[in-house]
């Protein structure tokens, strides 16, 4: 089986362009540290769901929705 370098490079560049895992994790930590309800804040719960999608992005290429 021959490796398709063009597809691999395109996939890697797409990953670099859309990788937001660090930003989502940092925002979640910042909100949780600031708010009284910590990780039970609605924004933190939303970000934790978004974090799951971002973690798997490199595997399946699904981007988070623009909600």
Protein backbone atom coordinates (compact mmCIF):
# COMPACT_ATOMS: atom_id res chain seq x y z
CA UNK A 1 0.00 0.00 0.00
CA UNK A 2 1.45 3.33 -1.06
CA UNK A 3 1.13 6.35 1.24
CA UNK A 4 -0.60 9.41 -0.22
CA UNK A 5 1.70 12.25 0.88
CA UNK A 6 -0.54 14.98 -0.52
CA UNK A 7 -3.52 13.79 1.51
CA UNK A 8 -1.36 13.39 4.62
CA UNK A 9 0.04 16.90 4.34
CA UNK A 10 -3.42 18.34 3.67
CA UNK A 11 -4.80 16.53 6.71
CA UNK A 12 -1.95 17.75 8.92
CA UNK A 13 -2.33 21.37 7.78
CA UNK A 14 -6.07 21.17 8.38
CA UNK A 15 -5.37 19.92 11.89
CA UNK A 16 -2.94 22.79 12.57
CA UNK A 17 -5.42 25.34 11.24
CA UNK A 18 -8.34 24.10 13.35
CA UNK A 19 -6.67 22.79 16.51
CA UNK A 20 -8.38 24.63 19.39
CA UNK A 21 -7.89 22.11 22.19
CA UNK A 22 -5.51 24.30 24.20
CA UNK A 23 -7.72 27.37 23.95
CA UNK A 24 -10.82 25.43 25.04
CA UNK A 25 -8.98 23.84 27.97
CA UNK A 26 -7.55 27.18 29.14
CA UNK A 27 -10.90 28.94 28.91
CA UNK A 28 -12.58 26.12 30.85
CA UNK A 29 -9.96 26.41 33.62
CA UNK A 30 -10.26 30.19 33.75
CA UNK A 31 -14.06 30.11 34.09
CA UNK A 32 -14.01 27.25 36.62
CA UNK A 33 -11.47 29.10 38.79
CA UNK A 34 -13.47 32.34 38.69
CA UNK A 35 -17.05 31.19 39.22
CA UNK A 36 -18.69 29.99 42.44
CA UNK A 37 -20.14 26.82 40.87
CA UNK A 38 -16.76 26.01 39.31
CA UNK A 39 -17.09 23.19 36.77
CA UNK A 40 -20.88 23.07 37.18
CA UNK A 41 -21.26 26.45 35.47
CA UNK A 42 -23.21 26.15 32.20
CA UNK A 43 -20.25 27.61 30.26
CA UNK A 44 -17.92 25.00 31.77
CA UNK A 45 -20.30 22.19 30.93
CA UNK A 46 -20.51 23.43 27.35
CA UNK A 47 -16.72 23.73 27.14
CA UNK A 48 -16.23 20.22 28.51
CA UNK A 49 -18.43 18.85 25.69
CA UNK A 50 -16.50 20.96 23.20
CA UNK A 51 -13.23 19.67 24.67
CA UNK A 52 -14.28 16.09 23.92
CA UNK A 53 -14.86 16.99 20.28
CA UNK A 54 -11.52 18.81 20.09
CA UNK A 55 -9.64 15.84 21.57
CA UNK A 56 -11.00 13.55 18.87
CA UNK A 57 -10.56 16.06 16.03
CA UNK A 58 -7.16 14.66 15.05
CA UNK A 59 -8.66 11.19 14.68
CA UNK A 60 -11.80 11.86 12.69
CA UNK A 61 -11.58 15.47 11.49
CA UNK A 62 -14.97 16.54 12.91
CA UNK A 63 -14.89 20.23 13.73
CA UNK A 64 -16.91 21.68 16.60
CA UNK A 65 -20.13 23.42 15.55
CA UNK A 66 -20.14 27.23 15.41
CA UNK A 67 -22.66 27.61 18.23
